[in-house]
């Protein structure tokens, strides 16, 4: 195929080249494809050793790419997290703290769709948007909308669009809904794409080791949960109810993996798989029964850690089928990463790190990262900072508002080291890190609260 392209390119004129499909264009800029799921916790993939789920499509991307094992969202809620990804800024910087908060106009014009459009890309969007509308308005954010939010039908619309002839490199976002339907499952509501039957011979996942770890939790979490019974019907779940929840969750992950598999087949059919940079991630995680928590918003590892795989283009001399363990915040890091691959200028006001540089060894990952959240039922913002193996969590209200964990020894966040004087110097350092971050992004509320 490559020989045919080279031969063809010597015979045709520039004007006729403009009529070739994507795979027939000699490009300096690579095609870039961003695949997103919704509410997928980081280890909900079989390539992470999770025996409760089978994800051949995600596993293929992992085998052909690099897995970033310490990847976090900027905010464990769809709207703020997605707005962050599209702008490269923390949600508080752009004033998007809830799903119905619109992106400010001055941020919209600098969002990634317009940025890539200016860099010469054909920008296509398929699936869920949620900034704040569930589906993206056509061309309002620099993207051509090619499919609404419909996981089973996205492959058809993407394949139809990729058969079109054009002379620009491709930037495609394929944004899937699932496993977000676990929210409807927990509320006993009808699922968009079919119910999850539980056969008699089903093998249920075991409850996580930190399932019972609710002692010493922030009272803010408990108040929020009690004031939002519709979102947290799990308050009265039995142990078997939780196992049913986990079983359904992993089936929803498998369901979306099958759709990603369809997309991979289409990319291969159009000679785009090998010749594209493919980035796979999710907007945030899910509680998956840790601390008896479902949903998101909480700053537990299960809710804020997300999968991240970057499959480089074949022309990139990058070692694949490996893990990298540096800290990543997809909210601020994906924007400069995509710009870097596109040879587009990156604003110096952004605090993210280009992961292209990390892969190539020219950039170091973050030394510390920050995550924020908002509990709408009680109007309580909260934050955390992660540095090395330590995690400091600061909840705005009520008892147990501060927590300190050693994630290397306590992945389940069961032992709050705030009560141990041996870690006083770590606490001071982490609180200072969070205060420095607050000043850097001009988070006046956090600056004020940290001085209590």
Foldseek 3Di string as FASTA:
>chain_A
DVVVLVVVVVPDDPVVLFQAFQVSADDPFFAAEEEAEAAAFACLEVVNVDPLAYQVLVVVLQQQFAWARAEWAQELDQQQRLLLLFQLDHSVLQVDFDLPDAGDPVSLCRTLLNLVVVLFEQAAEEAARRSPDRFDDACSRNYHYQYYHDLVCRLVSVLVVSVGGGHTHYYYYHYHYPPVCLQCVLLVHAGPPHDDDADPPDDFDQADPQLQLQPLDFVVVVVLCVLCCNRQVLPPPDRVSLRVSLSSRSVRVNVSSVSSVSNCVSCVVSVRNQRYWYKYKYSWHFPSSRSHGGGEQDPASRTTHMIIIIRHHNVDPFDGSYYDHAYHHSSNANSVQSCVSSVGDDDPLRPYDHVVCVRVVNDDHDQKDKHKHASVSVRWIWMWMDGDQKIWIATQDDPSRIFMDRCVVCVSRNDGCVVPPVCVVVVVVRLVVVLVVCVSSVVVVSVVRSVD
